[in-house]
Structure formats: structure tokens, C-alpha cells
Amino acid sequence: YVQWLVEDVKTAYRKLDFSDPVDPMRIVNLQLREQAEAAIKDKVSTMSIDDVLADKQPIIEELTHRLRTVAEGNRESGSTGLGLKIVTVQIK
């Protein structure tokens, strides 16, 4: 579960695809889902099954970091991101 919001409307409008007339957020959600799935797969692939089942926190931390880098950018590298802000990341 990832909760996000548009933080910078101008950047989001330029960088995201809101072209679906029925559900303008559908494509954005799909893009973030793909990023989340990739982050989870990368993290889980380096963990044992017992670790994955015992503690979700390392997965959540990695997922949050990766999504924030994509959505919010990275000030150190100067990337602006997508104009989004990641609010909450949970795994149930």
C-alpha cells in the first residue's frame, strides 16, 4: 500500500501522463506500482525466506527510499522527481 499526493503540480503536469479521460490517475498508479514491485523484488531477492516472513521493515524502508527517489527526486544528485510526495508505505 502506497499513499502519495501531488506536491508540485507544475512538475507533475509536465512529467506524468494524465491522458486517460476516464481515470487520469490510472497511468500514474501503474508507473508507481511497477517501481514498487521492482524495489520489492530487488530487496526480497537478497533476503532469506525466514527474514522476509519475520520482518517486513527492511522491505518497507527500501521501498520507501526507492519510491521517494523516483517521486520526490534526489537533492544530492539534483533530480527533481515527478512532483509527487510519498506519504505512507505499508505491507500487509
Protein backbone atom coordinates (compact mmCIF):
# COMPACT_ATOMS: atom_id res chain seq x y z
CA TYR A 1 0.00 0.00 0.00
CA VAL A 2 1.48 3.34 -1.06
CA GLN A 3 -0.20 6.62 -0.31
CA TRP A 4 1.03 9.59 -2.29
CA LEU A 5 -0.04 13.08 -3.24
CA VAL A 6 0.83 15.70 -5.83
CA GLU A 7 3.24 18.11 -4.16
CA ASP A 8 4.38 20.15 -7.18
CA VAL A 9 1.55 20.50 -9.69
CA LYS A 10 3.73 22.07 -12.40
CA THR A 11 6.32 19.29 -12.31
CA ALA A 12 3.69 16.56 -12.10
CA TYR A 13 1.80 18.02 -15.06
CA ARG A 14 4.97 18.07 -17.19
CA LYS A 15 6.33 14.66 -16.21
CA LEU A 16 3.27 12.46 -15.72
CA ASP A 17 0.72 11.06 -18.14
CA PHE A 18 -2.83 12.08 -17.18
CA SER A 19 -4.26 11.32 -20.63
CA ASP A 20 -6.80 8.65 -19.63
CA PRO A 21 -10.14 10.51 -19.79
CA VAL A 22 -11.94 8.03 -17.54
CA ASP A 23 -9.27 7.66 -14.83
CA PRO A 24 -6.45 10.21 -15.21
CA MET A 25 -4.52 8.74 -12.26
CA ARG A 26 -4.53 5.17 -13.66
CA ILE A 27 -1.29 5.51 -15.62
CA VAL A 28 0.49 7.25 -12.75
CA ASN A 29 -0.61 4.49 -10.37
CA LEU A 30 0.63 1.84 -12.81
CA GLN A 31 4.02 3.53 -13.08
CA LEU A 32 4.39 3.72 -9.30
CA ARG A 33 3.23 0.11 -8.95
CA GLU A 34 5.95 -1.03 -11.36
CA GLN A 35 8.56 0.87 -9.36
CA ALA A 36 7.25 -0.65 -6.11
CA GLU A 37 7.27 -4.18 -7.50
CA ALA A 38 10.84 -3.78 -8.76
CA ALA A 39 12.01 -2.45 -5.38
CA ILE A 40 10.34 -5.30 -3.51
CA LYS A 41 11.80 -7.93 -5.84
CA ASP A 42 15.29 -6.44 -5.52
CA LYS A 43 15.14 -6.37 -1.72
CA VAL A 44 13.48 -9.77 -1.25
CA SER A 45 15.99 -11.43 -3.59
CA THR A 46 18.77 -10.62 -1.11
CA MET A 47 16.90 -11.92 1.95
CA SER A 48 16.23 -15.41 3.27
CA ILE A 49 12.63 -16.64 3.35
CA ASP A 50 12.68 -16.58 7.16
CA ASP A 51 13.83 -12.94 7.16
CA VAL A 52 11.13 -11.94 4.68
CA LEU A 53 8.43 -13.57 6.76
CA ALA A 54 9.77 -12.38 10.11
CA ASP A 55 10.39 -8.68 9.46
CA LYS A 56 8.82 -6.51 6.78
CA GLN A 57 10.56 -3.33 7.96
CA PRO A 58 13.70 -3.65 5.76
CA ILE A 59 11.46 -4.16 2.72
CA ILE A 60 9.33 -1.15 3.65
CA GLU A 61 12.44 1.00 4.16
CA GLU A 62 13.89 0.03 0.78
CA LEU A 63 10.55 0.52 -0.94
CA THR A 64 10.06 3.93 0.69
CA HIS A 65 13.56 5.04 -0.28
CA ARG A 66 13.21 3.95 -3.91
CA LEU A 67 9.75 5.43 -4.35
CA ARG A 68 10.78 8.72 -2.75
CA THR A 69 13.77 8.95 -5.05
CA VAL A 70 11.55 8.46 -8.10
CA ALA A 71 8.58 10.54 -6.91
CA GLU A 72 10.31 13.33 -4.99
CA GLY A 73 13.72 13.38 -6.62
CA ASN A 74 17.13 13.42 -5.03
CA ARG A 75 18.51 16.75 -3.85
CA GLU A 76 22.08 15.40 -3.77
CA SER A 77 22.00 14.47 -7.46
CA GLY A 78 19.82 17.42 -8.43
CA SER A 79 16.96 15.33 -9.84
CA THR A 80 13.50 16.88 -9.39
CA GLY A 81 11.41 13.73 -9.40
CA LEU A 82 7.82 13.59 -10.58
CA GLY A 83 6.33 16.29 -8.38
CA LEU A 84 4.82 13.71 -6.03
CA LYS A 85 5.26 13.14 -2.30
CA ILE A 86 5.23 9.65 -0.79
CA VAL A 87 3.16 9.81 2.41
CA THR A 88 2.85 6.20 3.60
CA VAL A 89 4.22 2.80 2.60
CA GLN A 90 2.82 -0.35 4.19
CA ILE A 91 2.98 -4.07 3.53
CA LYS A 92 0.14 -6.24 4.79
